[in-house]
Amino acid sequence: MIELSQFPTLSFAFAGAAAVLGGILMGFTGFGSTLVMVPLLTIVYGPAEAVVVGVSISAAGLAQMVPQASRDAVWRDVIPTCIGAMALIPAGTALLLLTDPELTRRLIGAVVLLVAIVMLRGWSYSGPRNRWTAALCGAVGGFTNGYFGIGAPAVTFYFLGPSVSAAVARANILLIIGAFSVATVIAIAIGGGIGAETGLRAVVLFVPYSLSLWIGSRLFRRASDDLYRNIALWLLMAMGVTVLVF
């Protein structure tokens, strides 16, 4: 039986605030939702449930952003990235369901923080771009999305290079993370990691998330390329530190 008393609590209010922040940043950056929600939700829920809730909300929210992203994206990069991800998402979800939750939570923080440091140092990807490099990016991102609910670090490292405009990077990342999210939810469901109570939490939290997603999308229209990149990178840093400290 689903326990409805879980909702009017400080823990759920914290989860709701995480959903709002995730929605705003997702609308603005095209990839901020799980980077914010999953690390913060691990503070009040276990890593497995945090991944399920965060990724499910992200997948549902992305649907309303797909039409515009589809027009701006470079599909020769998007398709092989998604194909590469499908090979390793199941391996990541298997580790999520089997690994010690505390270890997983620390790894989430460490991975996010490491990627933030690398990108803030200006070490974004500037090498060749072809279907093989895109597939490799997808494989790494798919694995981390399945395990941590965070596929964005590898994808942003690849697509936020100086040679890619903010609009194209945002569209590519949004579509790829959307595909990651759907595949991860399916894999976790097959593995038995989604219960009725977890599903209800995701449904309730989607309401504030979807409203804040609209706000973030409007903010993006007023942002320069430099502002877009700076917000994206400092977001990674903040989330990594938060999870490692708490």
C-alpha atoms as a PDB file:
ATOM      1  CA  MET A   1       0.000   0.000   0.000  1.00  0.00           C
ATOM      2  CA  ILE A   2       1.290   3.472  -0.904  1.00  0.00           C
ATOM      3  CA  GLU A   3       1.947   5.680   2.124  1.00  0.00           C
ATOM      4  CA  LEU A   4       0.585   9.170   1.369  1.00  0.00           C
ATOM      5  CA  SER A   5       1.946  10.626   4.617  1.00  0.00           C
ATOM      6  CA  GLN A   6       5.407  10.744   2.956  1.00  0.00           C
ATOM      7  CA  PHE A   7       4.462  13.921   1.062  1.00  0.00           C
ATOM      8  CA  PRO A   8       3.830  16.642   3.701  1.00  0.00           C
ATOM      9  CA  THR A   9       7.353  16.306   5.146  1.00  0.00           C
ATOM     10  CA  LEU A  10      10.566  18.327   5.117  1.00  0.00           C
ATOM     11  CA  SER A  11      12.262  15.573   3.104  1.00  0.00           C
ATOM     12  CA  PHE A  12       9.643  15.800   0.388  1.00  0.00           C
ATOM     13  CA  ALA A  13       9.802  19.613   0.439  1.00  0.00           C
ATOM     14  CA  PHE A  14      13.555  19.296  -0.142  1.00  0.00           C
ATOM     15  CA  ALA A  15      12.869  16.903  -3.022  1.00  0.00           C
ATOM     16  CA  GLY A  16      10.381  19.400  -4.458  1.00  0.00           C
ATOM     17  CA  ALA A  17      12.975  22.179  -4.294  1.00  0.00           C
ATOM     18  CA  ALA A  18      15.440  19.905  -6.097  1.00  0.00           C
ATOM     19  CA  ALA A  19      12.824  19.309  -8.805  1.00  0.00           C
ATOM     20  CA  VAL A  20      12.255  23.046  -9.246  1.00  0.00           C
ATOM     21  CA  LEU A  21      15.966  23.759  -9.525  1.00  0.00           C
ATOM     22  CA  GLY A  22      16.387  20.848 -11.917  1.00  0.00           C
ATOM     23  CA  GLY A  23      13.553  22.091 -14.122  1.00  0.00           C
ATOM     24  CA  ILE A  24      14.910  25.630 -14.358  1.00  0.00           C
ATOM     25  CA  LEU A  25      18.394  24.441 -15.245  1.00  0.00           C
ATOM     26  CA  MET A  26      17.103  21.835 -17.683  1.00  0.00           C
ATOM     27  CA  GLY A  27      15.098  24.468 -19.511  1.00  0.00           C
ATOM     28  CA  PHE A  28      18.101  26.777 -19.577  1.00  0.00           C
ATOM     29  CA  THR A  29      20.999  24.433 -20.317  1.00  0.00           C
ATOM     30  CA  GLY A  30      19.283  21.429 -21.915  1.00  0.00           C
ATOM     31  CA  PHE A  31      20.933  19.000 -19.491  1.00  0.00           C
ATOM     32  CA  GLY A  32      20.713  20.322 -15.931  1.00  0.00           C
ATOM     33  CA  SER A  33      17.894  18.238 -14.463  1.00  0.00           C
ATOM     34  CA  THR A  34      19.503  14.975 -13.402  1.00  0.00           C
ATOM     35  CA  LEU A  35      22.803  16.709 -12.624  1.00  0.00           C
ATOM     36  CA  VAL A  36      20.874  18.654  -9.991  1.00  0.00           C
ATOM     37  CA  MET A  37      18.102  16.300  -8.946  1.00  0.00           C
ATOM     38  CA  VAL A  38      19.899  12.975  -8.609  1.00  0.00           C
ATOM     39  CA  PRO A  39      22.731  14.224  -6.359  1.00  0.00           C
ATOM     40  CA  LEU A  40      20.311  16.186  -4.185  1.00  0.00           C
ATOM     41  CA  LEU A  41      17.733  13.392  -4.036  1.00  0.00           C
ATOM     42  CA  THR A  42      20.383  10.963  -2.789  1.00  0.00           C
ATOM     43  CA  ILE A  43      20.471  13.068   0.383  1.00  0.00           C
ATOM     44  CA  VAL A  44      16.844  12.171   1.223  1.00  0.00           C
ATOM     45  CA  TYR A  45      16.395   8.923  -0.735  1.00  0.00           C
ATOM     46  CA  GLY A  46      18.755   6.087  -1.604  1.00  0.00           C
ATOM     47  CA  PRO A  47      20.781   6.316  -4.836  1.00  0.00           C
ATOM     48  CA  ALA A  48      18.644   3.762  -6.692  1.00  0.00           C
ATOM     49  CA  GLU A  49      15.414   5.604  -5.919  1.00  0.00           C
ATOM     50  CA  ALA A  50      17.029   8.977  -6.611  1.00  0.00           C
ATOM     51  CA  VAL A  51      18.089   7.771 -10.057  1.00  0.00           C
ATOM     52  CA  VAL A  52      14.649   6.366 -10.841  1.00  0.00           C
ATOM     53  CA  VAL A  53      12.803   9.504  -9.729  1.00  0.00           C
ATOM     54  CA  GLY A  54      15.251  11.968 -11.296  1.00  0.00           C
ATOM     55  CA  VAL A  55      15.589  10.160 -14.606  1.00  0.00           C
ATOM     56  CA  SER A  56      11.833   9.522 -14.897  1.00  0.00           C
ATOM     57  CA  ILE A  57      11.023  13.196 -14.338  1.00  0.00           C
ATOM     58  CA  SER A  58      13.694  14.212 -16.832  1.00  0.00           C
ATOM     59  CA  ALA A  59      12.404  11.824 -19.493  1.00  0.00           C
ATOM     60  CA  ALA A  60       8.826  13.104 -19.118  1.00  0.00           C
ATOM     61  CA  GLY A  61       9.889  16.741 -19.133  1.00  0.00           C
ATOM     62  CA  LEU A  62      12.032  16.430 -22.231  1.00  0.00           C
ATOM     63  CA  ALA A  63       9.046  15.500 -24.375  1.00  0.00           C
ATOM     64  CA  GLN A  64       7.825  19.116 -24.577  1.00  0.00           C
ATOM     65  CA  MET A  65      11.279  20.326 -25.678  1.00  0.00           C
ATOM     66  CA  VAL A  66      11.921  17.761 -28.414  1.00  0.00           C
ATOM     67  CA  PRO A  67      10.296  19.594 -31.380  1.00  0.00           C
ATOM     68  CA  GLN A  68      12.548  22.661 -31.141  1.00  0.00           C
ATOM     69  CA  ALA A  69      15.631  20.600 -30.296  1.00  0.00           C
ATOM     70  CA  SER A  70      15.022  18.363 -33.301  1.00  0.00           C
ATOM     71  CA  ARG A  71      15.293  21.375 -35.597  1.00  0.00           C
ATOM     72  CA  ASP A  72      18.517  22.688 -34.041  1.00  0.00           C
ATOM     73  CA  ALA A  73      20.360  19.379 -33.492  1.00  0.00           C
ATOM     74  CA  VAL A  74      23.075  17.885 -35.693  1.00  0.00           C
ATOM     75  CA  TRP A  75      21.711  14.377 -36.225  1.00  0.00           C
ATOM     76  CA  ARG A  76      24.942  12.897 -37.560  1.00  0.00           C
ATOM     77  CA  ASP A  77      26.281  13.407 -34.015  1.00  0.00           C
ATOM     78  CA  VAL A  78      23.120  12.557 -32.100  1.00  0.00           C
ATOM     79  CA  ILE A  79      22.358   9.162 -33.669  1.00  0.00           C
ATOM     80  CA  PRO A  80      25.732   7.405 -33.159  1.00  0.00           C
ATOM     81  CA  THR A  81      25.937   8.842 -29.623  1.00  0.00           C
ATOM     82  CA  CYS A  82      22.603   7.239 -28.765  1.00  0.00           C
ATOM     83  CA  ILE A  83      23.580   3.941 -30.389  1.00  0.00           C
ATOM     84  CA  GLY A  84      26.784   3.808 -28.347  1.00  0.00           C
ATOM     85  CA  ALA A  85      24.818   4.434 -25.157  1.00  0.00           C
ATOM     86  CA  MET A  86      22.392   1.566 -25.662  1.00  0.00           C
ATOM     87  CA  ALA A  87      25.219  -0.974 -25.352  1.00  0.00           C
ATOM     88  CA  LEU A  88      26.237   0.049 -21.815  1.00  0.00           C
ATOM     89  CA  ILE A  89      23.127   1.443 -20.128  1.00  0.00           C
ATOM     90  CA  PRO A  90      22.070  -2.072 -18.945  1.00  0.00           C
ATOM     91  CA  ALA A  91      25.510  -2.630 -17.373  1.00  0.00           C
ATOM     92  CA  GLY A  92      25.218   0.666 -15.505  1.00  0.00           C
ATOM     93  CA  THR A  93      21.740  -0.094 -14.167  1.00  0.00           C
ATOM     94  CA  ALA A  94      22.904  -3.527 -13.013  1.00  0.00           C
ATOM     95  CA  LEU A  95      25.636  -1.883 -10.915  1.00  0.00           C
ATOM     96  CA  LEU A  96      23.132   0.655  -9.564  1.00  0.00           C
ATOM     97  CA  LEU A  97      20.895  -2.122  -8.241  1.00  0.00           C
ATOM     98  CA  LEU A  98      23.753  -4.250  -6.858  1.00  0.00           C
ATOM     99  CA  THR A  99      26.344  -1.795  -5.487  1.00  0.00           C
ATOM    100  CA  ASP A 100      26.421  -0.418  -1.924  1.00  0.00           C
ATOM    101  CA  PRO A 101      24.262   2.763  -1.878  1.00  0.00           C
ATOM    102  CA  GLU A 102      26.767   4.859   0.090  1.00  0.00           C
ATOM    103  CA  LEU A 103      29.547   4.013  -2.361  1.00  0.00           C
ATOM    104  CA  THR A 104      27.291   4.914  -5.274  1.00  0.00           C
ATOM    105  CA  ARG A 105      26.367   8.253  -3.691  1.00  0.00           C
ATOM    106  CA  ARG A 106      30.028   9.188  -3.172  1.00  0.00           C
ATOM    107  CA  LEU A 107      30.877   8.172  -6.709  1.00  0.00           C
ATOM    108  CA  ILE A 108      28.096  10.397  -8.033  1.00  0.00           C
ATOM    109  CA  GLY A 109      29.620  13.401  -6.294  1.00  0.00           C
ATOM    110  CA  ALA A 110      33.157  12.513  -7.353  1.00  0.00           C
ATOM    111  CA  VAL A 111      32.275  12.059 -11.017  1.00  0.00           C
ATOM    112  CA  VAL A 112      30.335  15.327 -11.216  1.00  0.00           C
ATOM    113  CA  LEU A 113      33.077  17.263  -9.434  1.00  0.00           C
ATOM    114  CA  LEU A 114      35.835  15.777 -11.591  1.00  0.00           C
ATOM    115  CA  VAL A 115      34.077  16.685 -14.812  1.00  0.00           C
ATOM    116  CA  ALA A 116      33.396  20.218 -13.548  1.00  0.00           C
ATOM    117  CA  ILE A 117      37.069  20.745 -12.721  1.00  0.00           C
ATOM    118  CA  VAL A 118      38.183  19.437 -16.112  1.00  0.00           C
ATOM    119  CA  MET A 119      35.801  21.708 -18.001  1.00  0.00           C
ATOM    120  CA  LEU A 120      36.414  24.775 -15.840  1.00  0.00           C
ATOM    121  CA  ARG A 121      40.100  24.355 -16.610  1.00  0.00           C
ATOM    122  CA  GLY A 122      39.186  24.705 -20.266  1.00  0.00           C
ATOM    123  CA  TRP A 123      39.814  21.069 -21.183  1.00  0.00           C
ATOM    124  CA  SER A 124      36.655  20.556 -23.193  1.00  0.00           C
ATOM    125  CA  TYR A 125      36.886  18.170 -26.121  1.00  0.00           C
ATOM    126  CA  SER A 126      38.540  19.661 -29.206  1.00  0.00           C
ATOM    127  CA  GLY A 127      39.583  16.516 -31.089  1.00  0.00           C
ATOM    128  CA  PRO A 128      38.058  14.901 -34.166  1.00  0.00           C
ATOM    129  CA  ARG A 129      34.308  14.582 -34.406  1.00  0.00           C
ATOM    130  CA  ASN A 130      32.942  11.604 -36.269  1.00  0.00           C
ATOM    131  CA  ARG A 131      30.544   8.728 -35.713  1.00  0.00           C
ATOM    132  CA  TRP A 132      33.145   6.716 -33.779  1.00  0.00           C
ATOM    133  CA  THR A 133      34.006   9.470 -31.317  1.00  0.00           C
ATOM    134  CA  ALA A 134      30.287  10.191 -30.903  1.00  0.00           C
ATOM    135  CA  ALA A 135      29.585   6.499 -30.233  1.00  0.00           C
ATOM    136  CA  LEU A 136      32.379   6.371 -27.643  1.00  0.00           C
ATOM    137  CA  CYS A 137      30.962   9.451 -25.950  1.00  0.00           C
ATOM    138  CA  GLY A 138      27.561   7.754 -25.928  1.00  0.00           C
ATOM    139  CA  ALA A 139      28.940   4.526 -24.459  1.00  0.00           C
ATOM    140  CA  VAL A 140      30.578   6.377 -21.545  1.00  0.00           C
ATOM    141  CA  GLY A 141      27.531   8.573 -20.999  1.00  0.00           C
ATOM    142  CA  GLY A 142      25.167   5.621 -21.237  1.00  0.00           C
ATOM    143  CA  PHE A 143      27.065   3.702 -18.585  1.00  0.00           C
ATOM    144  CA  THR A 144      27.146   6.628 -16.155  1.00  0.00           C
ATOM    145  CA  ASN A 145      23.486   7.363 -16.829  1.00  0.00           C
ATOM    146  CA  GLY A 146      22.548   3.791 -16.041  1.00  0.00           C
ATOM    147  CA  TYR A 147      24.673   3.698 -12.892  1.00  0.00           C
ATOM    148  CA  PHE A 148      24.349   7.249 -11.553  1.00  0.00           C
ATOM    149  CA  GLY A 149      21.403   8.659 -13.485  1.00  0.00           C
ATOM    150  CA  ILE A 150      23.894  11.198 -14.846  1.00  0.00           C
ATOM    151  CA  GLY A 151      24.818  10.793 -18.482  1.00  0.00           C
ATOM    152  CA  ALA A 152      25.414  14.489 -19.093  1.00  0.00           C
ATOM    153  CA  PRO A 153      29.099  14.784 -18.032  1.00  0.00           C
ATOM    154  CA  ALA A 154      30.477  12.767 -20.960  1.00  0.00           C
ATOM    155  CA  VAL A 155      27.998  14.328 -23.371  1.00  0.00           C
ATOM    156  CA  THR A 156      28.631  17.896 -22.258  1.00  0.00           C
ATOM    157  CA  PHE A 157      32.398  17.347 -22.347  1.00  0.00           C
ATOM    158  CA  TYR A 158      32.018  16.306 -25.985  1.00  0.00           C
ATOM    159  CA  PHE A 159      29.440  18.852 -27.142  1.00  0.00           C
ATOM    160  CA  LEU A 160      30.321  21.987 -25.137  1.00  0.00           C
ATOM    161  CA  GLY A 161      33.553  22.612 -27.013  1.00  0.00           C
ATOM    162  CA  PRO A 162      34.315  26.106 -28.299  1.00  0.00           C
ATOM    163  CA  SER A 163      33.551  25.079 -31.887  1.00  0.00           C
ATOM    164  CA  VAL A 164      29.902  24.261 -31.110  1.00  0.00           C
ATOM    165  CA  SER A 165      27.306  27.026 -30.734  1.00  0.00           C
ATOM    166  CA  ALA A 166      25.176  27.119 -27.591  1.00  0.00           C
ATOM    167  CA  ALA A 167      21.936  26.444 -29.503  1.00  0.00           C
ATOM    168  CA  VAL A 168      23.324  23.375 -31.288  1.00  0.00           C
ATOM    169  CA  ALA A 169      25.051  22.043 -28.150  1.00  0.00           C
ATOM    170  CA  ARG A 170      21.874  22.483 -26.122  1.00  0.00           C
ATOM    171  CA  ALA A 171      19.753  20.696 -28.745  1.00  0.00           C
ATOM    172  CA  ASN A 172      22.179  17.792 -29.175  1.00  0.00           C
ATOM    173  CA  ILE A 173      22.547  17.304 -25.429  1.00  0.00           C
ATOM    174  CA  LEU A 174      18.801  17.530 -24.822  1.00  0.00           C
ATOM    175  CA  LEU A 175      17.937  14.849 -27.381  1.00  0.00           C
ATOM    176  CA  ILE A 176      20.742  12.531 -26.298  1.00  0.00           C
ATOM    177  CA  ILE A 177      19.962  12.814 -22.585  1.00  0.00           C
ATOM    178  CA  GLY A 178      16.303  12.232 -23.415  1.00  0.00           C
ATOM    179  CA  ALA A 179      17.197   8.965 -25.126  1.00  0.00           C
ATOM    180  CA  PHE A 180      19.470   8.031 -22.205  1.00  0.00           C
ATOM    181  CA  SER A 181      16.651   8.706 -19.740  1.00  0.00           C
ATOM    182  CA  VAL A 182      14.052   6.590 -21.508  1.00  0.00           C
ATOM    183  CA  ALA A 183      16.449   3.667 -21.937  1.00  0.00           C
ATOM    184  CA  THR A 184      17.582   3.881 -18.295  1.00  0.00           C
ATOM    185  CA  VAL A 185      14.029   3.884 -16.927  1.00  0.00           C
ATOM    186  CA  ILE A 186      13.214   0.826 -19.041  1.00  0.00           C
ATOM    187  CA  ALA A 187      16.363  -0.996 -17.895  1.00  0.00           C
ATOM    188  CA  ILE A 188      15.697  -0.238 -14.202  1.00  0.00           C
ATOM    189  CA  ALA A 189      12.073  -1.337 -14.555  1.00  0.00           C
ATOM    190  CA  ILE A 190      13.185  -4.641 -16.106  1.00  0.00           C
ATOM    191  CA  GLY A 191      15.599  -5.064 -13.194  1.00  0.00           C
ATOM    192  CA  GLY A 192      12.771  -4.591 -10.685  1.00  0.00           C
ATOM    193  CA  GLY A 193      13.972  -1.257  -9.353  1.00  0.00           C
ATOM    194  CA  ILE A 194      10.728   0.713  -9.740  1.00  0.00           C
ATOM    195  CA  GLY A 195       7.977   0.285  -7.137  1.00  0.00           C
ATOM    196  CA  ALA A 196       4.574   1.937  -6.868  1.00  0.00           C
ATOM    197  CA  GLU A 197       5.717   4.386  -4.180  1.00  0.00           C
ATOM    198  CA  THR A 198       8.737   5.467  -6.212  1.00  0.00           C
ATOM    199  CA  GLY A 199       6.560   5.963  -9.262  1.00  0.00           C
ATOM    200  CA  LEU A 200       4.115   8.107  -7.300  1.00  0.00           C
ATOM    201  CA  ARG A 201       6.945  10.302  -6.026  1.00  0.00           C
ATOM    202  CA  ALA A 202       8.088  10.866  -9.584  1.00  0.00           C
ATOM    203  CA  VAL A 203       4.562  11.778 -10.718  1.00  0.00           C
ATOM    204  CA  VAL A 204       4.040  14.282  -7.892  1.00  0.00           C
ATOM    205  CA  LEU A 205       7.467  15.886  -8.312  1.00  0.00           C
ATOM    206  CA  PHE A 206       6.927  16.245 -12.041  1.00  0.00           C
ATOM    207  CA  VAL A 207       4.360  18.999 -11.411  1.00  0.00           C
ATOM    208  CA  PRO A 208       6.790  21.609  -9.982  1.00  0.00           C
ATOM    209  CA  TYR A 209       9.495  20.366 -12.347  1.00  0.00           C
ATOM    210  CA  SER A 210       7.423  20.955 -15.493  1.00  0.00           C
ATOM    211  CA  LEU A 211       6.432  24.466 -14.381  1.00  0.00           C
ATOM    212  CA  SER A 212      10.027  25.448 -13.688  1.00  0.00           C
ATOM    213  CA  LEU A 213      11.126  23.934 -17.004  1.00  0.00           C
ATOM    214  CA  TRP A 214       9.153  26.646 -18.798  1.00  0.00           C
ATOM    215  CA  ILE A 215      10.945  29.342 -16.776  1.00  0.00           C
ATOM    216  CA  GLY A 216      14.353  27.949 -17.694  1.00  0.00           C
ATOM    217  CA  SER A 217      13.485  27.839 -21.390  1.00  0.00           C
ATOM    218  CA  ARG A 218      12.584  31.533 -21.328  1.00  0.00           C
ATOM    219  CA  LEU A 219      15.823  32.429 -19.557  1.00  0.00           C
ATOM    220  CA  PHE A 220      17.876  30.637 -22.223  1.00  0.00           C
ATOM    221  CA  ARG A 221      16.585  33.005 -24.909  1.00  0.00           C
ATOM    222  CA  ARG A 222      18.268  35.912 -23.118  1.00  0.00           C
ATOM    223  CA  ALA A 223      21.627  34.230 -22.521  1.00  0.00           C
ATOM    224  CA  SER A 224      24.899  34.615 -24.399  1.00  0.00           C
ATOM    225  CA  ASP A 225      27.096  31.633 -25.333  1.00  0.00           C
ATOM    226  CA  ASP A 226      29.600  32.528 -22.593  1.00  0.00           C
ATOM    227  CA  LEU A 227      26.912  32.810 -19.924  1.00  0.00           C
ATOM    228  CA  TYR A 228      25.427  29.483 -21.030  1.00  0.00           C
ATOM    229  CA  ARG A 229      28.755  27.663 -20.681  1.00  0.00           C
ATOM    230  CA  ASN A 230      29.654  29.290 -17.371  1.00  0.00           C
ATOM    231  CA  ILE A 231      26.334  28.375 -15.758  1.00  0.00           C
ATOM    232  CA  ALA A 232      26.593  24.804 -17.058  1.00  0.00           C
ATOM    233  CA  LEU A 233      30.105  24.316 -15.672  1.00  0.00           C
ATOM    234  CA  TRP A 234      29.529  25.918 -12.274  1.00  0.00           C
ATOM    235  CA  LEU A 235      26.395  23.792 -11.944  1.00  0.00           C
ATOM    236  CA  LEU A 236      28.525  20.664 -12.233  1.00  0.00           C
ATOM    237  CA  MET A 237      30.942  21.938  -9.611  1.00  0.00           C
ATOM    238  CA  ALA A 238      28.220  22.819  -7.092  1.00  0.00           C
ATOM    239  CA  MET A 239      26.464  19.477  -7.366  1.00  0.00           C
ATOM    240  CA  GLY A 240      29.667  17.482  -6.978  1.00  0.00           C
ATOM    241  CA  VAL A 241      30.675  19.359  -3.821  1.00  0.00           C
ATOM    242  CA  THR A 242      27.172  19.096  -2.347  1.00  0.00           C
ATOM    243  CA  VAL A 243      27.046  15.305  -2.592  1.00  0.00           C
ATOM    244  CA  LEU A 244      30.606  14.780  -1.338  1.00  0.00           C
ATOM    245  CA  VAL A 245      30.045  17.026   1.691  1.00  0.00           C
ATOM    246  CA  PHE A 246      26.611  15.724   2.660  1.00  0.00           C
END
